[in-house]
Amino acid sequence: MEGVSLKRDKVIPYNGVIEAVGVQPAKRIELNDFEYEYSHENPFPVYNDNKSQLVNEAFNSVFSKAAYFLA
């Protein structure tokens, strides 16, 4: 995987990413849709309730893949 896109991203939508990437984008771009409200500008918002665990899991998922890719 070389990239991550967010399903509800309105700034850089997944379809635009796919058009830019070209050949076999599914192997190169992972589409994520988190179980909480997020945006392009704030993909990991701060919550003071049970959603904070979901945000932490999403953050760790995205950045562990990024760290693995860079290692």
PDB file of N, CA and C in Angstrom:
ATOM      1  N   MET A   1       0.832  -1.170   0.000  1.00  0.00           N
ATOM      2  CA  MET A   1       0.000   0.000   0.000  1.00  0.00           C
ATOM      3  C   MET A   1       0.884   1.244   0.000  1.00  0.00           C
ATOM      4  N   GLU A   2       0.456   2.235  -0.742  1.00  0.00           N
ATOM      5  CA  GLU A   2       1.208   3.473  -0.821  1.00  0.00           C
ATOM      6  C   GLU A   2       0.427   4.686  -0.352  1.00  0.00           C
ATOM      7  N   GLY A   3      -0.863   4.509  -0.068  1.00  0.00           N
ATOM      8  CA  GLY A   3      -1.647   5.653   0.350  1.00  0.00           C
ATOM      9  C   GLY A   3      -2.912   5.261   1.066  1.00  0.00           C
ATOM     10  N   VAL A   4      -3.484   6.251   1.726  1.00  0.00           N
ATOM     11  CA  VAL A   4      -4.720   6.073   2.461  1.00  0.00           C
ATOM     12  C   VAL A   4      -5.667   7.188   2.040  1.00  0.00           C
ATOM     13  N   SER A   5      -6.909   6.837   1.803  1.00  0.00           N
ATOM     14  CA  SER A   5      -7.931   7.813   1.477  1.00  0.00           C
ATOM     15  C   SER A   5      -9.099   7.614   2.425  1.00  0.00           C
ATOM     16  N   LEU A   6      -9.849   8.690   2.647  1.00  0.00           N
ATOM     17  CA  LEU A   6     -11.002   8.622   3.540  1.00  0.00           C
ATOM     18  C   LEU A   6     -12.287   8.712   2.738  1.00  0.00           C
ATOM     19  N   LYS A   7     -13.205   7.819   3.029  1.00  0.00           N
ATOM     20  CA  LYS A   7     -14.447   7.727   2.266  1.00  0.00           C
ATOM     21  C   LYS A   7     -15.231   9.032   2.262  1.00  0.00           C
ATOM     22  N   ARG A   8     -15.272   9.721   3.402  1.00  0.00           N
ATOM     23  CA  ARG A   8     -16.067  10.951   3.505  1.00  0.00           C
ATOM     24  C   ARG A   8     -15.244  12.215   3.284  1.00  0.00           C
ATOM     25  N   ASP A   9     -14.061  12.082   2.712  1.00  0.00           N
ATOM     26  CA  ASP A   9     -13.203  13.236   2.431  1.00  0.00           C
ATOM     27  C   ASP A   9     -13.775  14.011   1.248  1.00  0.00           C
ATOM     28  N   LYS A  10     -14.079  15.279   1.461  1.00  0.00           N
ATOM     29  CA  LYS A  10     -14.628  16.115   0.390  1.00  0.00           C
ATOM     30  C   LYS A  10     -13.558  16.981  -0.259  1.00  0.00           C
ATOM     31  N   VAL A  11     -12.398  17.107   0.364  1.00  0.00           N
ATOM     32  CA  VAL A  11     -11.307  17.913  -0.186  1.00  0.00           C
ATOM     33  C   VAL A  11     -10.549  17.123  -1.240  1.00  0.00           C
ATOM     34  N   ILE A  12     -10.187  15.899  -0.906  1.00  0.00           N
ATOM     35  CA  ILE A  12      -9.499  15.001  -1.844  1.00  0.00           C
ATOM     36  C   ILE A  12     -10.276  13.684  -1.854  1.00  0.00           C
ATOM     37  N   PRO A  13     -11.349  13.614  -2.631  1.00  0.00           N
ATOM     38  CA  PRO A  13     -12.195  12.415  -2.633  1.00  0.00           C
ATOM     39  C   PRO A  13     -11.493  11.201  -3.233  1.00  0.00           C
ATOM     40  N   TYR A  14     -11.910  10.041  -2.773  1.00  0.00           N
ATOM     41  CA  TYR A  14     -11.319   8.776  -3.215  1.00  0.00           C
ATOM     42  C   TYR A  14     -11.335   8.638  -4.735  1.00  0.00           C
ATOM     43  N   ASN A  15     -12.448   9.017  -5.366  1.00  0.00           N
ATOM     44  CA  ASN A  15     -12.522   8.903  -6.826  1.00  0.00           C
ATOM     45  C   ASN A  15     -11.446   9.728  -7.513  1.00  0.00           C
ATOM     46  N   GLY A  16     -11.159  10.901  -6.990  1.00  0.00           N
ATOM     47  CA  GLY A  16     -10.090  11.731  -7.545  1.00  0.00           C
ATOM     48  C   GLY A  16      -8.725  11.104  -7.354  1.00  0.00           C
ATOM     49  N   VAL A  17      -8.536  10.480  -6.210  1.00  0.00           N
ATOM     50  CA  VAL A  17      -7.259   9.792  -5.952  1.00  0.00           C
ATOM     51  C   VAL A  17      -7.094   8.646  -6.943  1.00  0.00           C
ATOM     52  N   ILE A  18      -8.156   7.882  -7.161  1.00  0.00           N
ATOM     53  CA  ILE A  18      -8.107   6.747  -8.083  1.00  0.00           C
ATOM     54  C   ILE A  18      -7.791   7.224  -9.499  1.00  0.00           C
ATOM     55  N   GLU A  19      -8.422   8.315  -9.916  1.00  0.00           N
ATOM     56  CA  GLU A  19      -8.140   8.854 -11.243  1.00  0.00           C
ATOM     57  C   GLU A  19      -6.680   9.285 -11.376  1.00  0.00           C
ATOM     58  N   ALA A  20      -6.119   9.834 -10.329  1.00  0.00           N
ATOM     59  CA  ALA A  20      -4.733  10.304 -10.367  1.00  0.00           C
ATOM     60  C   ALA A  20      -3.725   9.157 -10.331  1.00  0.00           C
ATOM     61  N   VAL A  21      -4.047   8.099  -9.604  1.00  0.00           N
ATOM     62  CA  VAL A  21      -3.108   6.984  -9.424  1.00  0.00           C
ATOM     63  C   VAL A  21      -3.033   6.105 -10.664  1.00  0.00           C
ATOM     64  N   GLY A  22      -4.170   5.831 -11.271  1.00  0.00           N
ATOM     65  CA  GLY A  22      -4.158   5.044 -12.499  1.00  0.00           C
ATOM     66  C   GLY A  22      -4.261   3.555 -12.278  1.00  0.00           C
ATOM     67  N   VAL A  23      -3.297   2.819 -12.772  1.00  0.00           N
ATOM     68  CA  VAL A  23      -3.346   1.365 -12.859  1.00  0.00           C
ATOM     69  C   VAL A  23      -3.447   0.708 -11.484  1.00  0.00           C
ATOM     70  N   GLN A  24      -4.414  -0.183 -11.356  1.00  0.00           N
ATOM     71  CA  GLN A  24      -4.642  -0.996 -10.160  1.00  0.00           C
ATOM     72  C   GLN A  24      -4.587  -0.196  -8.853  1.00  0.00           C
ATOM     73  N   PRO A  25      -5.415   0.820  -8.745  1.00  0.00           N
ATOM     74  CA  PRO A  25      -5.358   1.646  -7.537  1.00  0.00           C
ATOM     75  C   PRO A  25      -5.740   0.907  -6.267  1.00  0.00           C
ATOM     76  N   ALA A  26      -6.567  -0.109  -6.373  1.00  0.00           N
ATOM     77  CA  ALA A  26      -6.993  -0.829  -5.168  1.00  0.00           C
ATOM     78  C   ALA A  26      -5.808  -1.444  -4.440  1.00  0.00           C
ATOM     79  N   LYS A  27      -4.770  -1.792  -5.165  1.00  0.00           N
ATOM     80  CA  LYS A  27      -3.578  -2.354  -4.534  1.00  0.00           C
ATOM     81  C   LYS A  27      -2.691  -1.269  -3.936  1.00  0.00           C
ATOM     82  N   ARG A  28      -2.907  -0.023  -4.335  1.00  0.00           N
ATOM     83  CA  ARG A  28      -2.020   1.055  -3.904  1.00  0.00           C
ATOM     84  C   ARG A  28      -2.654   2.007  -2.898  1.00  0.00           C
ATOM     85  N   ILE A  29      -3.964   2.103  -2.916  1.00  0.00           N
ATOM     86  CA  ILE A  29      -4.661   3.054  -2.050  1.00  0.00           C
ATOM     87  C   ILE A  29      -5.692   2.317  -1.196  1.00  0.00           C
ATOM     88  N   GLU A  30      -5.612   2.524   0.100  1.00  0.00           N
ATOM     89  CA  GLU A  30      -6.564   1.911   1.022  1.00  0.00           C
ATOM     90  C   GLU A  30      -7.659   2.921   1.353  1.00  0.00           C
ATOM     91  N   LEU A  31      -8.889   2.525   1.213  1.00  0.00           N
ATOM     92  CA  LEU A  31     -10.023   3.382   1.536  1.00  0.00           C
ATOM     93  C   LEU A  31     -10.474   3.095   2.961  1.00  0.00           C
ATOM     94  N   ASN A  32     -10.502   4.133   3.778  1.00  0.00           N
ATOM     95  CA  ASN A  32     -10.939   4.012   5.169  1.00  0.00           C
ATOM     96  C   ASN A  32     -12.217   4.808   5.383  1.00  0.00           C
ATOM     97  N   ASP A  33     -13.060   4.307   6.271  1.00  0.00           N
ATOM     98  CA  ASP A  33     -14.247   5.028   6.710  1.00  0.00           C
ATOM     99  C   ASP A  33     -14.389   4.766   8.195  1.00  0.00           C
ATOM    100  N   PHE A  34     -14.035   5.746   8.998  1.00  0.00           N
ATOM    101  CA  PHE A  34     -14.019   5.577  10.439  1.00  0.00           C
ATOM    102  C   PHE A  34     -15.429   5.599  11.014  1.00  0.00           C
ATOM    103  N   GLU A  35     -15.585   5.033  12.200  1.00  0.00           N
ATOM    104  CA  GLU A  35     -16.888   4.904  12.851  1.00  0.00           C
ATOM    105  C   GLU A  35     -17.230   6.117  13.717  1.00  0.00           C
ATOM    106  N   TYR A  36     -16.769   7.269  13.309  1.00  0.00           N
ATOM    107  CA  TYR A  36     -17.061   8.510  14.015  1.00  0.00           C
ATOM    108  C   TYR A  36     -17.037   9.633  12.981  1.00  0.00           C
ATOM    109  N   GLU A  37     -17.527  10.808  13.366  1.00  0.00           N
ATOM    110  CA  GLU A  37     -17.528  11.947  12.450  1.00  0.00           C
ATOM    111  C   GLU A  37     -16.108  12.481  12.292  1.00  0.00           C
ATOM    112  N   TYR A  38     -15.688  12.642  11.048  1.00  0.00           N
ATOM    113  CA  TYR A  38     -14.359  13.153  10.755  1.00  0.00           C
ATOM    114  C   TYR A  38     -14.425  13.969   9.472  1.00  0.00           C
ATOM    115  N   SER A  39     -13.347  14.653   9.181  1.00  0.00           N
ATOM    116  CA  SER A  39     -13.244  15.403   7.932  1.00  0.00           C
ATOM    117  C   SER A  39     -11.807  15.331   7.451  1.00  0.00           C
ATOM    118  N   HIS A  40     -11.571  15.818   6.252  1.00  0.00           N
ATOM    119  CA  HIS A  40     -10.214  15.884   5.708  1.00  0.00           C
ATOM    120  C   HIS A  40      -9.325  16.700   6.649  1.00  0.00           C
ATOM    121  N   GLU A  41      -9.879  17.814   7.106  1.00  0.00           N
ATOM    122  CA  GLU A  41      -9.109  18.724   7.956  1.00  0.00           C
ATOM    123  C   GLU A  41      -8.895  18.181   9.361  1.00  0.00           C
ATOM    124  N   ASN A  42      -9.755  17.305   9.811  1.00  0.00           N
ATOM    125  CA  ASN A  42      -9.671  16.776  11.170  1.00  0.00           C
ATOM    126  C   ASN A  42     -10.049  15.291  11.180  1.00  0.00           C
ATOM    127  N   PRO A  43      -9.147  14.429  10.680  1.00  0.00           N
ATOM    128  CA  PRO A  43      -9.472  13.008  10.612  1.00  0.00           C
ATOM    129  C   PRO A  43      -9.459  12.300  11.965  1.00  0.00           C
ATOM    130  N   PHE A  44      -8.796  12.907  12.948  1.00  0.00           N
ATOM    131  CA  PHE A  44      -8.703  12.290  14.272  1.00  0.00           C
ATOM    132  C   PHE A  44      -9.128  13.307  15.335  1.00  0.00           C
ATOM    133  N   PRO A  45     -10.430  13.626  15.405  1.00  0.00           N
ATOM    134  CA  PRO A  45     -10.903  14.636  16.353  1.00  0.00           C
ATOM    135  C   PRO A  45     -10.798  14.168  17.807  1.00  0.00           C
ATOM    136  N   VAL A  46     -10.785  15.121  18.706  1.00  0.00           N
ATOM    137  CA  VAL A  46     -10.726  14.826  20.131  1.00  0.00           C
ATOM    138  C   VAL A  46     -12.148  14.655  20.658  1.00  0.00           C
ATOM    139  N   TYR A  47     -12.374  13.537  21.313  1.00  0.00           N
ATOM    140  CA  TYR A  47     -13.660  13.259  21.956  1.00  0.00           C
ATOM    141  C   TYR A  47     -13.399  12.956  23.425  1.00  0.00           C
ATOM    142  N   ASN A  48     -14.355  13.264  24.257  1.00  0.00           N
ATOM    143  CA  ASN A  48     -14.252  12.962  25.686  1.00  0.00           C
ATOM    144  C   ASN A  48     -15.253  11.892  26.098  1.00  0.00           C
ATOM    145  N   ASP A  49     -15.533  10.983  25.179  1.00  0.00           N
ATOM    146  CA  ASP A  49     -16.473   9.905  25.476  1.00  0.00           C
ATOM    147  C   ASP A  49     -15.962   8.612  24.859  1.00  0.00           C
ATOM    148  N   ASN A  50     -16.848   7.659  24.638  1.00  0.00           N
ATOM    149  CA  ASN A  50     -16.426   6.356  24.121  1.00  0.00           C
ATOM    150  C   ASN A  50     -15.877   6.431  22.702  1.00  0.00           C
ATOM    151  N   LYS A  51     -16.108   7.517  21.977  1.00  0.00           N
ATOM    152  CA  LYS A  51     -15.563   7.649  20.626  1.00  0.00           C
ATOM    153  C   LYS A  51     -14.049   7.844  20.638  1.00  0.00           C
ATOM    154  N   SER A  52     -13.498   8.271  21.757  1.00  0.00           N
ATOM    155  CA  SER A  52     -12.052   8.501  21.822  1.00  0.00           C
ATOM    156  C   SER A  52     -11.275   7.211  21.547  1.00  0.00           C
ATOM    157  N   GLN A  53     -11.810   6.077  21.988  1.00  0.00           N
ATOM    158  CA  GLN A  53     -11.154   4.794  21.714  1.00  0.00           C
ATOM    159  C   GLN A  53     -11.165   4.490  20.219  1.00  0.00           C
ATOM    160  N   LEU A  54     -12.266   4.798  19.538  1.00  0.00           N
ATOM    161  CA  LEU A  54     -12.347   4.599  18.086  1.00  0.00           C
ATOM    162  C   LEU A  54     -11.336   5.476  17.357  1.00  0.00           C
ATOM    163  N   VAL A  55     -11.196   6.711  17.811  1.00  0.00           N
ATOM    164  CA  VAL A  55     -10.226   7.629  17.201  1.00  0.00           C
ATOM    165  C   VAL A  55      -8.808   7.104  17.409  1.00  0.00           C
ATOM    166  N   ASN A  56      -8.497   6.658  18.603  1.00  0.00           N
ATOM    167  CA  ASN A  56      -7.166   6.115  18.882  1.00  0.00           C
ATOM    168  C   ASN A  56      -6.866   4.905  18.003  1.00  0.00           C
ATOM    169  N   GLU A  57      -7.843   4.022  17.843  1.00  0.00           N
ATOM    170  CA  GLU A  57      -7.645   2.843  17.000  1.00  0.00           C
ATOM    171  C   GLU A  57      -7.436   3.234  15.541  1.00  0.00           C
ATOM    172  N   ALA A  58      -8.196   4.199  15.057  1.00  0.00           N
ATOM    173  CA  ALA A  58      -8.043   4.657  13.675  1.00  0.00           C
ATOM    174  C   ALA A  58      -6.671   5.286  13.471  1.00  0.00           C
ATOM    175  N   PHE A  59      -6.262   6.143  14.394  1.00  0.00           N
ATOM    176  CA  PHE A  59      -4.948   6.787  14.320  1.00  0.00           C
ATOM    177  C   PHE A  59      -3.835   5.742  14.286  1.00  0.00           C
ATOM    178  N   ASN A  60      -3.901   4.794  15.212  1.00  0.00           N
ATOM    179  CA  ASN A  60      -2.868   3.761  15.264  1.00  0.00           C
ATOM    180  C   ASN A  60      -2.854   2.912  14.000  1.00  0.00           C
ATOM    181  N   SER A  61      -4.005   2.625  13.451  1.00  0.00           N
ATOM    182  CA  SER A  61      -4.085   1.836  12.224  1.00  0.00           C
ATOM    183  C   SER A  61      -3.413   2.555  11.063  1.00  0.00           C
ATOM    184  N   VAL A  62      -3.750   3.818  10.878  1.00  0.00           N
ATOM    185  CA  VAL A  62      -3.180   4.592   9.764  1.00  0.00           C
ATOM    186  C   VAL A  62      -1.679   4.781   9.933  1.00  0.00           C
ATOM    187  N   PHE A  63      -1.240   5.210  11.110  1.00  0.00           N
ATOM    188  CA  PHE A  63       0.161   5.546  11.272  1.00  0.00           C
ATOM    189  C   PHE A  63       1.066   4.336  11.471  1.00  0.00           C
ATOM    190  N   SER A  64       0.537   3.204  11.910  1.00  0.00           N
ATOM    191  CA  SER A  64       1.366   1.991  11.946  1.00  0.00           C
ATOM    192  C   SER A  64       1.673   1.527  10.531  1.00  0.00           C
ATOM    193  N   LYS A  65       0.706   1.672   9.621  1.00  0.00           N
ATOM    194  CA  LYS A  65       0.951   1.327   8.209  1.00  0.00           C
ATOM    195  C   LYS A  65       1.955   2.283   7.586  1.00  0.00           C
ATOM    196  N   ALA A  66       1.850   3.553   7.922  1.00  0.00           N
ATOM    197  CA  ALA A  66       2.805   4.538   7.399  1.00  0.00           C
ATOM    198  C   ALA A  66       4.218   4.242   7.904  1.00  0.00           C
ATOM    199  N   ALA A  67       4.333   3.917   9.176  1.00  0.00           N
ATOM    200  CA  ALA A  67       5.646   3.601   9.739  1.00  0.00           C
ATOM    201  C   ALA A  67       6.228   2.344   9.119  1.00  0.00           C
ATOM    202  N   TYR A  68       5.387   1.341   8.899  1.00  0.00           N
ATOM    203  CA  TYR A  68       5.853   0.105   8.251  1.00  0.00           C
ATOM    204  C   TYR A  68       6.330   0.394   6.836  1.00  0.00           C
ATOM    205  N   PHE A  69       5.585   1.218   6.108  1.00  0.00           N
ATOM    206  CA  PHE A  69       5.954   1.571   4.740  1.00  0.00           C
ATOM    207  C   PHE A  69       7.310   2.276   4.691  1.00  0.00           C
ATOM    208  N   LEU A  70       7.572   3.134   5.676  1.00  0.00           N
ATOM    209  CA  LEU A  70       8.807   3.910   5.705  1.00  0.00           C
ATOM    210  C   LEU A  70       9.999   3.145   6.277  1.00  0.00           C
ATOM    211  N   ALA A  71       9.714   2.032   6.944  1.00  0.00           N
ATOM    212  CA  ALA A  71      10.807   1.276   7.580  1.00  0.00           C
ATOM    213  C   ALA A  71      11.647   0.532   6.578  1.00  0.00           C
TER     214      ALA A  71
END
